[in-house]
Protein backbone atom coordinates (compact mmCIF):
# COMPACT_ATOMS: atom_id res chain seq x y z
CA ALA A 1 57.54 185.63 -56.10
CA THR A 2 56.39 188.44 -53.82
CA GLN A 3 58.25 191.04 -55.86
CA GLU A 4 56.73 189.65 -59.05
CA ALA A 5 53.25 189.80 -57.48
CA ARG A 6 53.84 193.42 -56.40
CA SER A 7 54.92 194.33 -59.92
CA ILE A 8 51.89 192.64 -61.49
CA ALA A 9 49.53 194.38 -59.05
CA ALA A 10 51.08 197.81 -59.68
CA GLU A 11 51.10 197.43 -63.46
CA ALA A 12 47.53 196.12 -63.45
CA ALA A 13 46.42 199.19 -61.48
CA ARG A 14 48.15 201.42 -64.03
CA ALA A 15 46.48 199.46 -66.85
CA GLY A 16 43.14 200.27 -65.27
CA HIS A 17 43.95 203.95 -65.34
CA GLN A 18 44.45 203.85 -69.09
CA HIS A 19 40.65 203.95 -69.46
CA LEU A 20 39.59 207.47 -68.58
CA LYS A 21 36.64 209.78 -69.13
CA LEU A 22 36.51 213.56 -68.97
CA THR A 23 34.01 214.86 -66.40
CA ASN A 24 33.75 218.55 -65.53
CA GLY A 25 37.22 219.20 -66.87
CA HIS A 26 38.84 216.31 -64.93
CA LEU A 27 39.94 212.91 -66.11
CA ASN A 28 38.59 210.00 -64.05
CA PRO A 29 38.71 206.24 -64.55
CA LYS A 30 35.68 204.58 -66.10
CA PRO A 31 34.99 202.24 -63.15
CA ASP A 32 33.73 199.14 -64.96
CA ILE A 33 36.20 199.32 -67.82
CA ALA A 34 39.14 200.15 -65.50
CA LYS A 35 38.28 197.15 -63.30
CA GLN A 36 38.06 194.83 -66.32
CA ALA A 37 41.33 196.10 -67.79
CA ALA A 38 43.21 195.64 -64.51
CA GLU A 39 41.82 192.14 -63.96
CA LYS A 40 42.63 191.19 -67.56
CA TYR A 41 46.24 192.28 -66.97
CA VAL A 42 46.45 190.06 -63.88
CA ALA A 43 44.82 187.14 -65.72
CA ALA A 44 47.64 187.22 -68.28
CA SER A 45 50.10 186.48 -65.45
CA ARG A 46 50.48 183.40 -63.26
CA PHE A 47 48.55 185.12 -60.47
CA HIS A 48 44.89 185.67 -59.61
CA GLY A 49 43.53 189.04 -58.67
CA THR A 50 40.70 191.45 -58.21
CA ALA A 51 40.53 195.16 -58.93
CA ARG A 52 38.33 197.98 -57.78
CA VAL A 53 38.03 201.69 -58.35
CA ILE A 54 38.12 203.16 -54.85
CA SER A 55 37.35 206.78 -55.67
CA SER A 56 37.33 209.03 -58.67
CA ASN A 57 41.09 208.73 -58.97
CA ILE A 58 42.35 205.48 -57.37
CA VAL A 59 42.49 201.97 -58.83
CA GLU A 60 43.50 199.21 -56.41
CA VAL A 61 44.49 195.65 -57.36
CA GLU A 62 44.99 192.69 -55.01
CA VAL A 63 46.98 189.74 -56.33
CA THR A 64 47.31 186.25 -54.87
CA GLY A 65 49.26 183.20 -55.86
CA LYS A 66 51.63 180.50 -54.68
CA TYR A 67 55.37 180.15 -54.53
CA THR A 68 56.64 176.64 -55.18
CA CYS A 69 59.32 175.87 -52.60
CA VAL A 70 62.60 174.32 -53.62
CA PHE A 71 64.46 173.65 -50.39
CA LEU A 72 61.54 173.53 -47.96
CA ASN A 73 60.26 170.41 -49.75
CA VAL A 74 62.72 168.51 -47.54
CA ILE A 75 60.56 169.24 -44.50
CA GLY A 76 57.26 168.86 -46.33
CA ILE A 77 56.49 172.48 -47.24
CA THR A 78 55.78 172.50 -50.96
CA THR A 79 54.16 175.93 -51.47
CA LEU A 80 53.83 179.24 -49.69
CA PRO A 81 51.07 181.81 -50.30
CA VAL A 82 51.91 185.07 -52.04
CA ARG A 83 49.78 188.19 -51.69
CA ALA A 84 50.39 191.73 -52.92
CA LYS A 85 48.49 194.95 -53.44
CA GLY A 86 49.07 197.70 -55.97
CA THR A 87 47.43 201.07 -56.38
CA SER A 88 47.47 203.73 -59.00
CA LYS A 89 46.42 207.28 -58.21
CA LEU A 90 45.52 209.76 -60.89
CA HIS A 91 46.87 213.25 -60.10
CA HIS A 92 45.21 216.27 -61.62
CA SER A 93 47.23 219.30 -62.53
CA SER A 94 45.93 222.74 -63.27
């Protein structure tokens, strides 16, 4: 479940970077649209998450969810929390 959450967070961050604008010869994420796109990607999964554009070139996504325990049910543990973070950094080349 943790690996799945990491994958969702990373892909959601990349989805946010699909929405770019050209400013002074550099591509940068459109903050509001990038945030919405990343959160929409997470919403299509079984997890919950929030996204933010940290700087002109970084989108960060935090994902949370629950893992339903199979064997730990015997001792009364039915779920465990899952949390992951993914980032996408836009690199400029000249």
